[in-house]
Amino acid sequence: MYKRVLLKLSGESLGGPAGKGLDTVWLEKYAKEIAAAAKAGLQIAIVNGGGNIFRGLQGVGKGFDRVDGDKMGMLATVINSLALKMFIKAEGVEAEVFTSTPMEPHAKYYMRDEAVKVLERGGVALIAGGTGNPFFTTDSGAALRALEIGADALLKGTRVDGVYTADPEKDPSARKYDELSFDEAISKHLKVMDQTAYALCSDGGMPIIVFDMNATGNLTKLLAGEKVGTLVHP
């Protein structure tokens, strides 16, 4: 169903159940899922969040300047991407980290054509550092990169199996949407992604699939065309 996708993972997901630091058990689990999908022919680029290490906005009011705090958050995404890269390579799949600002020799400076070359030869491109600018979330960065590389869809891996009318972890009566439009998601205040990411995907015609990344085999199921999670479309 999809040839090329951009996978957005939260930093907290890489921190395991605690949502902090780096959990090697979960890094290995995600790497196996990603590698299996890549070996099956899916071209995958990845954007990681950095909330397991530092989230700039949460530092405001606690002594951290928003601009410098966001810079720290961007660096956190680089650490996460380097960690995930190592586990993907351990599964026998090429992986390369690209950063929005120059960070050689730790990672390559992001250029779209170079990242696409990695995808086309069966590797995984991890694009870190957000947009390179403060005041933009990694969701917005993921939307931007998905459009740049010509992805067929933006996949947002979460701890739940889709978009619900309310937080299913807090409200047992919450109902899941199989699909909905961007306008519906915005009007119903469903916090799938921030408004900037929504606008980018809506204007660019980029569908978003919100799914449970923790469920084994979901990436492969998406590749096979099975309905997984919630489809949010223009």
Protein backbone atom coordinates (compact mmCIF):
# COMPACT_ATOMS: atom_id res chain seq x y z
CA MET A 1 0.00 0.00 0.00
CA TYR A 2 2.85 2.36 0.80
CA LYS A 3 6.28 2.55 -0.77
CA ARG A 4 7.81 5.31 1.34
CA VAL A 5 6.76 6.58 4.76
CA LEU A 6 8.01 8.84 7.49
CA LEU A 7 7.68 7.34 10.96
CA LYS A 8 7.34 9.75 13.89
CA LEU A 9 8.25 8.33 17.30
CA SER A 10 8.01 10.20 20.57
CA GLY A 11 11.06 10.46 22.75
CA GLU A 12 9.06 9.02 25.62
CA SER A 13 8.47 5.82 23.64
CA LEU A 14 12.24 5.27 23.48
CA GLY A 15 12.35 5.66 27.25
CA GLY A 16 10.21 2.57 27.76
CA PRO A 17 7.54 2.37 30.48
CA ALA A 18 9.19 5.18 32.47
CA GLY A 19 9.31 7.45 29.42
CA LYS A 20 12.72 8.75 30.48
CA GLY A 21 16.25 8.09 29.30
CA LEU A 22 16.88 5.28 26.81
CA ASP A 23 15.39 1.83 27.35
CA THR A 24 17.48 -0.73 25.42
CA VAL A 25 14.67 -3.30 25.51
CA TRP A 26 12.32 -0.95 23.66
CA LEU A 27 15.04 0.35 21.35
CA GLU A 28 15.68 -3.23 20.26
CA LYS A 29 11.95 -3.92 19.86
CA TYR A 30 11.42 -0.87 17.66
CA ALA A 31 14.57 -1.60 15.68
CA LYS A 32 13.34 -5.14 14.91
CA GLU A 33 9.98 -3.78 13.69
CA ILE A 34 11.62 -1.12 11.54
CA ALA A 35 14.23 -3.48 10.13
CA ALA A 36 11.63 -6.11 9.25
CA ALA A 37 9.55 -3.56 7.36
CA ALA A 38 12.64 -2.23 5.55
CA LYS A 39 13.67 -5.74 4.54
CA ALA A 40 10.15 -6.27 3.19
CA GLY A 41 10.62 -3.31 0.85
CA LEU A 42 9.22 -0.33 2.76
CA GLN A 43 11.32 2.84 2.55
CA ILE A 44 11.38 4.36 6.04
CA ALA A 45 12.57 7.72 7.29
CA ILE A 46 12.29 8.39 11.02
CA VAL A 47 11.86 11.53 13.11
CA ASN A 48 12.26 11.07 16.86
CA GLY A 49 11.08 13.37 19.60
CA GLY A 50 13.33 14.25 22.51
CA GLY A 51 10.97 14.39 25.48
CA ASN A 52 12.61 11.44 27.23
CA ILE A 53 15.70 13.62 27.69
CA PHE A 54 14.53 17.23 27.61
CA ARG A 55 11.48 19.14 26.38
CA GLY A 56 12.14 22.83 25.84
CA LEU A 57 8.64 24.09 26.53
CA GLN A 58 8.47 22.35 29.90
CA GLY A 59 11.63 24.17 30.95
CA VAL A 60 10.03 27.60 30.53
CA GLY A 61 9.40 29.13 33.96
CA LYS A 62 11.95 26.82 35.56
CA GLY A 63 15.01 28.84 34.63
CA PHE A 64 15.27 27.80 30.97
CA ASP A 65 14.95 30.30 28.15
CA ARG A 66 12.55 29.02 25.46
CA VAL A 67 14.99 29.43 22.59
CA ASP A 68 17.91 27.72 24.35
CA GLY A 69 15.52 25.14 25.80
CA ASP A 70 14.33 24.24 22.32
CA LYS A 71 17.94 23.94 21.19
CA MET A 72 18.52 21.45 24.01
CA GLY A 73 15.44 19.54 22.90
CA MET A 74 16.76 19.40 19.33
CA LEU A 75 20.04 17.95 20.60
CA ALA A 76 18.05 15.35 22.54
CA THR A 77 16.50 14.14 19.28
CA VAL A 78 20.00 13.62 17.88
CA ILE A 79 20.96 11.45 20.86
CA ASN A 80 17.78 9.38 20.39
CA SER A 81 18.41 8.97 16.67
CA LEU A 82 22.01 7.86 17.18
CA ALA A 83 20.83 5.27 19.71
CA LEU A 84 18.08 3.89 17.45
CA LYS A 85 20.48 3.84 14.50
CA MET A 86 22.81 1.47 16.32
CA PHE A 87 20.01 -0.98 17.09
CA ILE A 88 18.70 -0.87 13.50
CA LYS A 89 22.18 -1.59 12.15
CA ALA A 90 22.44 -4.51 14.56
CA GLU A 91 19.43 -5.99 12.71
CA GLY A 92 21.38 -5.93 9.45
CA VAL A 93 19.83 -2.81 7.91
CA GLU A 94 21.77 0.28 6.87
CA ALA A 95 20.90 3.35 8.97
CA GLU A 96 22.16 6.91 8.76
CA VAL A 97 21.48 9.92 10.99
CA PHE A 98 20.97 13.32 9.36
CA THR A 99 20.74 16.57 11.35
CA SER A 100 19.05 19.86 10.52
CA THR A 101 22.16 21.78 11.57
CA PRO A 102 25.76 20.72 10.81
CA MET A 103 27.05 18.21 13.40
CA GLU A 104 29.81 16.36 11.60
CA PRO A 105 31.40 13.99 12.47
CA HIS A 106 28.55 12.82 14.73
CA ALA A 107 25.96 12.80 11.94
CA LYS A 108 25.52 14.00 8.38
CA TYR A 109 24.05 17.39 7.57
CA TYR A 110 20.53 16.83 6.23
CA MET A 111 20.05 17.19 2.51
CA ARG A 112 16.88 15.72 1.07
CA ASP A 113 18.52 14.02 -1.90
CA GLU A 114 21.11 12.32 0.32
CA ALA A 115 18.44 11.03 2.71
CA VAL A 116 16.38 9.73 -0.22
CA LYS A 117 19.42 7.87 -1.58
CA VAL A 118 19.66 5.98 1.70
CA LEU A 119 15.98 5.03 1.44
CA GLU A 120 16.27 3.94 -2.17
CA ARG A 121 19.05 1.49 -1.39
CA GLY A 122 17.04 -0.12 1.39
CA GLY A 123 18.40 1.82 4.36
CA VAL A 124 16.71 3.85 7.07
CA ALA A 125 17.22 7.62 7.28
CA LEU A 126 16.86 9.09 10.77
CA ILE A 127 16.31 12.84 10.45
CA ALA A 128 17.10 14.60 13.72
CA GLY A 129 17.23 18.12 15.09
CA GLY A 130 13.65 19.10 14.30
CA THR A 131 13.41 21.93 11.79
CA GLY A 132 16.59 23.47 13.18
CA ASN A 133 14.60 26.35 14.62
CA PRO A 134 13.04 27.03 18.04
CA PHE A 135 9.25 27.24 18.49
CA PHE A 136 8.64 24.29 16.17
CA THR A 137 7.76 20.85 17.52
CA THR A 138 9.11 17.56 16.23
CA ASP A 139 5.59 16.89 14.91
CA SER A 140 6.01 19.92 12.65
CA GLY A 141 9.48 18.72 11.73
CA ALA A 142 8.07 15.30 10.86
CA ALA A 143 5.39 16.84 8.65
CA LEU A 144 7.99 18.98 6.88
CA ARG A 145 10.35 16.07 6.23
CA ALA A 146 7.53 13.78 5.09
CA LEU A 147 6.60 16.31 2.42
CA GLU A 148 10.23 16.92 1.43
CA ILE A 149 11.08 13.27 0.84
CA GLY A 150 7.82 12.56 -0.98
CA ALA A 151 6.45 10.12 1.58
CA ASP A 152 3.15 8.39 0.87
CA ALA A 153 2.08 8.86 4.49
CA LEU A 154 3.23 10.13 7.85
CA LEU A 155 2.98 7.38 10.45
CA LYS A 156 2.72 8.50 14.06
CA GLY A 157 3.62 5.65 16.39
CA THR A 158 2.01 5.97 19.81
CA ARG A 159 1.07 3.83 22.82
CA VAL A 160 -2.58 3.59 21.73
CA ASP A 161 -4.09 2.04 18.60
CA GLY A 162 -5.46 5.20 17.02
CA VAL A 163 -7.30 8.46 17.62
CA TYR A 164 -10.08 8.46 20.21
CA THR A 165 -12.81 10.86 21.25
CA ALA A 166 -10.90 11.23 24.53
CA ASP A 167 -7.77 9.83 26.13
CA PRO A 168 -8.53 6.06 26.34
CA GLU A 169 -6.00 5.70 29.16
CA LYS A 170 -8.10 8.07 31.26
CA ASP A 171 -11.63 7.64 29.87
CA PRO A 172 -12.82 4.02 29.38
CA SER A 173 -15.84 5.25 27.40
CA ALA A 174 -13.65 6.86 24.71
CA ARG A 175 -14.45 5.72 21.17
CA LYS A 176 -11.89 5.11 18.44
CA TYR A 177 -12.08 6.73 15.01
CA ASP A 178 -11.23 4.52 12.03
CA GLU A 179 -10.69 7.65 9.96
CA LEU A 180 -11.41 11.36 10.05
CA SER A 181 -10.52 14.53 8.16
CA PHE A 182 -8.08 17.20 9.23
CA ASP A 183 -11.00 19.62 9.64
CA GLU A 184 -12.76 17.17 11.96
CA ALA A 185 -9.63 16.61 14.02
CA ILE A 186 -9.13 20.36 14.43
CA SER A 187 -12.79 21.19 15.16
CA LYS A 188 -13.03 18.39 17.73
CA HIS A 189 -9.75 19.45 19.36
CA LEU A 190 -8.22 15.99 18.94
CA LYS A 191 -4.58 16.32 19.90
CA VAL A 192 -3.06 14.12 17.23
CA MET A 193 -0.47 16.67 16.12
CA ASP A 194 -0.01 20.40 16.62
CA GLN A 195 -1.71 22.97 14.39
CA THR A 196 1.42 23.69 12.34
CA ALA A 197 1.87 20.01 11.52
CA TYR A 198 -1.82 19.75 10.62
CA ALA A 199 -1.55 22.76 8.31
CA LEU A 200 1.53 21.39 6.55
CA CYS A 201 -0.04 17.96 6.01
CA SER A 202 -3.38 19.42 4.96
CA ASP A 203 -1.86 21.82 2.43
CA GLY A 204 0.48 19.13 1.12
CA GLY A 205 -2.15 16.38 0.94
CA MET A 206 -0.14 14.22 3.35
CA PRO A 207 -2.24 11.57 5.16
CA ILE A 208 -1.42 10.76 8.77
CA ILE A 209 -1.85 7.31 10.29
CA VAL A 210 -1.88 7.14 14.08
CA PHE A 211 -1.20 3.61 15.29
CA ASP A 212 0.14 1.53 18.16
CA MET A 213 3.86 1.12 17.53
CA ASN A 214 4.15 -1.19 20.54
CA ALA A 215 2.00 -3.87 18.88
CA THR A 216 4.30 -6.34 17.16
CA GLY A 217 3.95 -6.45 13.38
CA ASN A 218 1.95 -3.25 12.87
CA LEU A 219 4.48 -1.72 10.47
CA THR A 220 4.46 -4.87 8.35
CA LYS A 221 0.66 -4.90 8.40
CA LEU A 222 0.60 -1.33 7.10
CA LEU A 223 2.98 -2.35 4.32
CA ALA A 224 0.60 -5.18 3.38
CA GLY A 225 -2.31 -2.73 3.15
CA GLU A 226 -4.14 -3.80 6.30
CA LYS A 227 -6.13 -1.18 8.17
CA VAL A 228 -4.17 -0.31 11.27
CA GLY A 229 -4.86 2.61 13.60
CA THR A 230 -6.67 5.78 12.50
CA LEU A 231 -6.31 7.44 9.12
CA VAL A 232 -6.40 11.26 9.24
CA HIS A 233 -6.70 12.68 5.73
CA PRO A 234 -7.22 16.03 3.92
